[in-house]
Amino acid sequence: MPVNEFLVLWLSSWAAIAFFRIAPAFALRGRTLSPRGTEALGYIPPAAFAALVANDLISPG
């Protein structure tokens, strides 16, 4: 892969990642989430931990 193509791919990937991380923060700035939305976001850490544990239990090797 030529350097020019690599740089275009790398920069476009970086720009997409930056946009999708920063845009929600600006879109939600100054707004309060509904209680249902707050409750739904509260399930993310236990679900992530359960996925990590389940991965080790199902395929310990």
PDB file of N, CA and C in Angstrom:
ATOM      1  N   MET A   1       0.857  -1.174   0.000  1.00  0.00           N
ATOM      2  CA  MET A   1       0.000   0.000   0.000  1.00  0.00           C
ATOM      3  C   MET A   1       0.900   1.232   0.000  1.00  0.00           C
ATOM      4  N   PRO A   2       0.694   2.101  -0.960  1.00  0.00           N
ATOM      5  CA  PRO A   2       1.503   3.335  -1.007  1.00  0.00           C
ATOM      6  C   PRO A   2       1.230   4.229   0.206  1.00  0.00           C
ATOM      7  N   VAL A   3       2.190   5.041   0.510  1.00  0.00           N
ATOM      8  CA  VAL A   3       2.104   5.921   1.678  1.00  0.00           C
ATOM      9  C   VAL A   3       0.921   6.880   1.548  1.00  0.00           C
ATOM     10  N   ASN A   4       0.658   7.384   0.369  1.00  0.00           N
ATOM     11  CA  ASN A   4      -0.455   8.325   0.179  1.00  0.00           C
ATOM     12  C   ASN A   4      -1.789   7.668   0.530  1.00  0.00           C
ATOM     13  N   GLU A   5      -2.013   6.449   0.063  1.00  0.00           N
ATOM     14  CA  GLU A   5      -3.260   5.750   0.364  1.00  0.00           C
ATOM     15  C   GLU A   5      -3.369   5.457   1.855  1.00  0.00           C
ATOM     16  N   PHE A   6      -2.253   5.087   2.454  1.00  0.00           N
ATOM     17  CA  PHE A   6      -2.253   4.809   3.888  1.00  0.00           C
ATOM     18  C   PHE A   6      -2.621   6.060   4.683  1.00  0.00           C
ATOM     19  N   LEU A   7      -2.035   7.196   4.325  1.00  0.00           N
ATOM     20  CA  LEU A   7      -2.325   8.437   5.039  1.00  0.00           C
ATOM     21  C   LEU A   7      -3.784   8.861   4.877  1.00  0.00           C
ATOM     22  N   VAL A   8      -4.324   8.691   3.690  1.00  0.00           N
ATOM     23  CA  VAL A   8      -5.736   9.031   3.473  1.00  0.00           C
ATOM     24  C   VAL A   8      -6.613   8.128   4.326  1.00  0.00           C
ATOM     25  N   LEU A   9      -6.327   6.848   4.339  1.00  0.00           N
ATOM     26  CA  LEU A   9      -7.104   5.899   5.144  1.00  0.00           C
ATOM     27  C   LEU A   9      -6.970   6.214   6.630  1.00  0.00           C
ATOM     28  N   TRP A  10      -5.751   6.481   7.069  1.00  0.00           N
ATOM     29  CA  TRP A  10      -5.511   6.756   8.484  1.00  0.00           C
ATOM     30  C   TRP A  10      -6.194   8.051   8.917  1.00  0.00           C
ATOM     31  N   LEU A  11      -6.061   9.097   8.123  1.00  0.00           N
ATOM     32  CA  LEU A  11      -6.668  10.385   8.482  1.00  0.00           C
ATOM     33  C   LEU A  11      -8.191  10.335   8.438  1.00  0.00           C
ATOM     34  N   SER A  12      -8.760   9.637   7.474  1.00  0.00           N
ATOM     35  CA  SER A  12     -10.218   9.541   7.418  1.00  0.00           C
ATOM     36  C   SER A  12     -10.745   8.703   8.579  1.00  0.00           C
ATOM     37  N   SER A  13     -10.030   7.657   8.960  1.00  0.00           N
ATOM     38  CA  SER A  13     -10.436   6.862  10.120  1.00  0.00           C
ATOM     39  C   SER A  13     -10.353   7.700  11.389  1.00  0.00           C
ATOM     40  N   TRP A  14      -9.289   8.450  11.553  1.00  0.00           N
ATOM     41  CA  TRP A  14      -9.128   9.303  12.726  1.00  0.00           C
ATOM     42  C   TRP A  14     -10.233  10.350  12.785  1.00  0.00           C
ATOM     43  N   ALA A  15     -10.563  10.948  11.644  1.00  0.00           N
ATOM     44  CA  ALA A  15     -11.605  11.973  11.612  1.00  0.00           C
ATOM     45  C   ALA A  15     -12.971  11.383  11.974  1.00  0.00           C
ATOM     46  N   ALA A  16     -13.260  10.185  11.482  1.00  0.00           N
ATOM     47  CA  ALA A  16     -14.536   9.538  11.803  1.00  0.00           C
ATOM     48  C   ALA A  16     -14.622   9.210  13.289  1.00  0.00           C
ATOM     49  N   ILE A  17     -13.548   8.680  13.837  1.00  0.00           N
ATOM     50  CA  ILE A  17     -13.540   8.346  15.264  1.00  0.00           C
ATOM     51  C   ILE A  17     -13.719   9.613  16.094  1.00  0.00           C
ATOM     52  N   ALA A  18     -12.995  10.661  15.749  1.00  0.00           N
ATOM     53  CA  ALA A  18     -13.098  11.919  16.498  1.00  0.00           C
ATOM     54  C   ALA A  18     -14.511  12.488  16.397  1.00  0.00           C
ATOM     55  N   PHE A  19     -15.110  12.443  15.211  1.00  0.00           N
ATOM     56  CA  PHE A  19     -16.455  12.981  15.039  1.00  0.00           C
ATOM     57  C   PHE A  19     -17.461  12.209  15.887  1.00  0.00           C
ATOM     58  N   PHE A  20     -17.414  10.886  15.848  1.00  0.00           N
ATOM     59  CA  PHE A  20     -18.406  10.095  16.564  1.00  0.00           C
ATOM     60  C   PHE A  20     -18.186  10.087  18.075  1.00  0.00           C
ATOM     61  N   ARG A  21     -17.055  10.546  18.530  1.00  0.00           N
ATOM     62  CA  ARG A  21     -16.845  10.698  19.969  1.00  0.00           C
ATOM     63  C   ARG A  21     -17.203  12.099  20.448  1.00  0.00           C
ATOM     64  N   ILE A  22     -16.977  13.090  19.610  1.00  0.00           N
ATOM     65  CA  ILE A  22     -17.186  14.476  20.020  1.00  0.00           C
ATOM     66  C   ILE A  22     -18.605  14.952  19.735  1.00  0.00           C
ATOM     67  N   ALA A  23     -19.197  14.541  18.632  1.00  0.00           N
ATOM     68  CA  ALA A  23     -20.530  15.014  18.243  1.00  0.00           C
ATOM     69  C   ALA A  23     -21.596  14.723  19.306  1.00  0.00           C
ATOM     70  N   PRO A  24     -21.655  13.522  19.885  1.00  0.00           N
ATOM     71  CA  PRO A  24     -22.678  13.307  20.920  1.00  0.00           C
ATOM     72  C   PRO A  24     -22.492  14.203  22.142  1.00  0.00           C
ATOM     73  N   ALA A  25     -21.265  14.505  22.490  1.00  0.00           N
ATOM     74  CA  ALA A  25     -21.029  15.377  23.641  1.00  0.00           C
ATOM     75  C   ALA A  25     -21.581  16.778  23.374  1.00  0.00           C
ATOM     76  N   PHE A  26     -21.383  17.281  22.163  1.00  0.00           N
ATOM     77  CA  PHE A  26     -21.927  18.597  21.826  1.00  0.00           C
ATOM     78  C   PHE A  26     -23.445  18.552  21.670  1.00  0.00           C
ATOM     79  N   ALA A  27     -23.967  17.463  21.144  1.00  0.00           N
ATOM     80  CA  ALA A  27     -25.417  17.359  20.945  1.00  0.00           C
ATOM     81  C   ALA A  27     -26.169  17.284  22.269  1.00  0.00           C
ATOM     82  N   LEU A  28     -25.567  16.668  23.273  1.00  0.00           N
ATOM     83  CA  LEU A  28     -26.241  16.488  24.559  1.00  0.00           C
ATOM     84  C   LEU A  28     -25.852  17.531  25.597  1.00  0.00           C
ATOM     85  N   ARG A  29     -24.987  18.471  25.234  1.00  0.00           N
ATOM     86  CA  ARG A  29     -24.526  19.480  26.176  1.00  0.00           C
ATOM     87  C   ARG A  29     -25.691  20.339  26.647  1.00  0.00           C
ATOM     88  N   GLY A  30     -25.845  20.459  27.944  1.00  0.00           N
ATOM     89  CA  GLY A  30     -26.877  21.296  28.507  1.00  0.00           C
ATOM     90  C   GLY A  30     -28.244  20.647  28.618  1.00  0.00           C
ATOM     91  N   ARG A  31     -28.368  19.411  28.191  1.00  0.00           N
ATOM     92  CA  ARG A  31     -29.651  18.719  28.268  1.00  0.00           C
ATOM     93  C   ARG A  31     -29.605  17.676  29.376  1.00  0.00           C
ATOM     94  N   THR A  32     -30.746  17.397  29.931  1.00  0.00           N
ATOM     95  CA  THR A  32     -30.824  16.329  30.915  1.00  0.00           C
ATOM     96  C   THR A  32     -31.456  15.116  30.255  1.00  0.00           C
ATOM     97  N   LEU A  33     -30.959  13.968  30.623  1.00  0.00           N
ATOM     98  CA  LEU A  33     -31.505  12.728  30.084  1.00  0.00           C
ATOM     99  C   LEU A  33     -32.752  12.337  30.852  1.00  0.00           C
ATOM    100  N   SER A  34     -33.618  11.628  30.187  1.00  0.00           N
ATOM    101  CA  SER A  34     -34.814  11.139  30.859  1.00  0.00           C
ATOM    102  C   SER A  34     -34.415  10.063  31.868  1.00  0.00           C
ATOM    103  N   PRO A  35     -35.242   9.814  32.849  1.00  0.00           N
ATOM    104  CA  PRO A  35     -34.915   8.753  33.808  1.00  0.00           C
ATOM    105  C   PRO A  35     -34.733   7.395  33.132  1.00  0.00           C
ATOM    106  N   ARG A  36     -35.510   7.157  32.093  1.00  0.00           N
ATOM    107  CA  ARG A  36     -35.378   5.882  31.370  1.00  0.00           C
ATOM    108  C   ARG A  36     -34.018   5.791  30.667  1.00  0.00           C
ATOM    109  N   GLY A  37     -33.561   6.886  30.078  1.00  0.00           N
ATOM    110  CA  GLY A  37     -32.259   6.908  29.422  1.00  0.00           C
ATOM    111  C   GLY A  37     -31.126   6.740  30.416  1.00  0.00           C
ATOM    112  N   THR A  38     -31.248   7.391  31.569  1.00  0.00           N
ATOM    113  CA  THR A  38     -30.236   7.251  32.612  1.00  0.00           C
ATOM    114  C   THR A  38     -30.180   5.814  33.114  1.00  0.00           C
ATOM    115  N   GLU A  39     -31.338   5.206  33.274  1.00  0.00           N
ATOM    116  CA  GLU A  39     -31.378   3.810  33.726  1.00  0.00           C
ATOM    117  C   GLU A  39     -30.736   2.889  32.687  1.00  0.00           C
ATOM    118  N   ALA A  40     -31.014   3.131  31.416  1.00  0.00           N
ATOM    119  CA  ALA A  40     -30.439   2.306  30.350  1.00  0.00           C
ATOM    120  C   ALA A  40     -28.916   2.439  30.325  1.00  0.00           C
ATOM    121  N   LEU A  41     -28.401   3.654  30.515  1.00  0.00           N
ATOM    122  CA  LEU A  41     -26.952   3.834  30.532  1.00  0.00           C
ATOM    123  C   LEU A  41     -26.312   3.178  31.750  1.00  0.00           C
ATOM    124  N   GLY A  42     -27.080   3.009  32.810  1.00  0.00           N
ATOM    125  CA  GLY A  42     -26.570   2.346  33.999  1.00  0.00           C
ATOM    126  C   GLY A  42     -26.304   0.862  33.805  1.00  0.00           C
ATOM    127  N   TYR A  43     -26.896   0.274  32.763  1.00  0.00           N
ATOM    128  CA  TYR A  43     -26.689  -1.151  32.494  1.00  0.00           C
ATOM    129  C   TYR A  43     -25.415  -1.424  31.697  1.00  0.00           C
ATOM    130  N   ILE A  44     -24.774  -0.416  31.174  1.00  0.00           N
ATOM    131  CA  ILE A  44     -23.602  -0.632  30.327  1.00  0.00           C
ATOM    132  C   ILE A  44     -22.421  -1.230  31.088  1.00  0.00           C
ATOM    133  N   PRO A  45     -21.998  -0.691  32.249  1.00  0.00           N
ATOM    134  CA  PRO A  45     -20.845  -1.300  32.935  1.00  0.00           C
ATOM    135  C   PRO A  45     -21.070  -2.758  33.348  1.00  0.00           C
ATOM    136  N   PRO A  46     -22.225  -3.123  33.939  1.00  0.00           N
ATOM    137  CA  PRO A  46     -22.403  -4.547  34.264  1.00  0.00           C
ATOM    138  C   PRO A  46     -22.439  -5.431  33.026  1.00  0.00           C
ATOM    139  N   ALA A  47     -23.003  -4.938  31.939  1.00  0.00           N
ATOM    140  CA  ALA A  47     -23.053  -5.738  30.715  1.00  0.00           C
ATOM    141  C   ALA A  47     -21.654  -5.945  30.137  1.00  0.00           C
ATOM    142  N   ALA A  48     -20.826  -4.914  30.177  1.00  0.00           N
ATOM    143  CA  ALA A  48     -19.460  -5.047  29.678  1.00  0.00           C
ATOM    144  C   ALA A  48     -18.666  -6.026  30.535  1.00  0.00           C
ATOM    145  N   PHE A  49     -18.816  -5.938  31.846  1.00  0.00           N
ATOM    146  CA  PHE A  49     -18.117  -6.865  32.739  1.00  0.00           C
ATOM    147  C   PHE A  49     -18.606  -8.291  32.519  1.00  0.00           C
ATOM    148  N   ALA A  50     -19.918  -8.476  32.366  1.00  0.00           N
ATOM    149  CA  ALA A  50     -20.462  -9.810  32.121  1.00  0.00           C
ATOM    150  C   ALA A  50     -19.940 -10.382  30.815  1.00  0.00           C
ATOM    151  N   ALA A  51     -19.789  -9.553  29.809  1.00  0.00           N
ATOM    152  CA  ALA A  51     -19.252 -10.032  28.529  1.00  0.00           C
ATOM    153  C   ALA A  51     -17.818 -10.481  28.683  1.00  0.00           C
ATOM    154  N   LEU A  52     -17.022  -9.749  29.439  1.00  0.00           N
ATOM    155  CA  LEU A  52     -15.628 -10.155  29.659  1.00  0.00           C
ATOM    156  C   LEU A  52     -15.548 -11.465  30.437  1.00  0.00           C
ATOM    157  N   VAL A  53     -16.359 -11.612  31.462  1.00  0.00           N
ATOM    158  CA  VAL A  53     -16.354 -12.837  32.251  1.00  0.00           C
ATOM    159  C   VAL A  53     -16.872 -14.009  31.443  1.00  0.00           C
ATOM    160  N   ALA A  54     -17.936 -13.801  30.698  1.00  0.00           N
ATOM    161  CA  ALA A  54     -18.506 -14.885  29.884  1.00  0.00           C
ATOM    162  C   ALA A  54     -17.520 -15.337  28.830  1.00  0.00           C
ATOM    163  N   ASN A  55     -16.747 -14.439  28.271  1.00  0.00           N
ATOM    164  CA  ASN A  55     -15.741 -14.814  27.277  1.00  0.00           C
ATOM    165  C   ASN A  55     -14.716 -15.754  27.891  1.00  0.00           C
ATOM    166  N   ASP A  56     -14.285 -15.494  29.102  1.00  0.00           N
ATOM    167  CA  ASP A  56     -13.320 -16.371  29.770  1.00  0.00           C
ATOM    168  C   ASP A  56     -13.937 -17.697  30.174  1.00  0.00           C
ATOM    169  N   LEU A  57     -15.200 -17.698  30.539  1.00  0.00           N
ATOM    170  CA  LEU A  57     -15.850 -18.928  30.941  1.00  0.00           C
ATOM    171  C   LEU A  57     -16.125 -19.846  29.760  1.00  0.00           C
ATOM    172  N   ILE A  58     -16.493 -19.262  28.627  1.00  0.00           N
ATOM    173  CA  ILE A  58     -16.833 -20.076  27.465  1.00  0.00           C
ATOM    174  C   ILE A  58     -15.583 -20.611  26.772  1.00  0.00           C
ATOM    175  N   SER A  59     -14.574 -19.778  26.636  1.00  0.00           N
ATOM    176  CA  SER A  59     -13.326 -20.222  25.987  1.00  0.00           C
ATOM    177  C   SER A  59     -12.144 -19.855  26.870  1.00  0.00           C
ATOM    178  N   PRO A  60     -11.857 -20.651  27.902  1.00  0.00           N
ATOM    179  CA  PRO A  60     -10.776 -20.297  28.842  1.00  0.00           C
ATOM    180  C   PRO A  60      -9.389 -20.342  28.232  1.00  0.00           C
ATOM    181  N   GLY A  61      -9.214 -21.020  27.105  1.00  0.00           N
ATOM    182  CA  GLY A  61      -7.888 -21.146  26.476  1.00  0.00           C
ATOM    183  C   GLY A  61      -7.550 -19.915  25.729  1.00  0.00           C
TER     184      GLY A  61
END
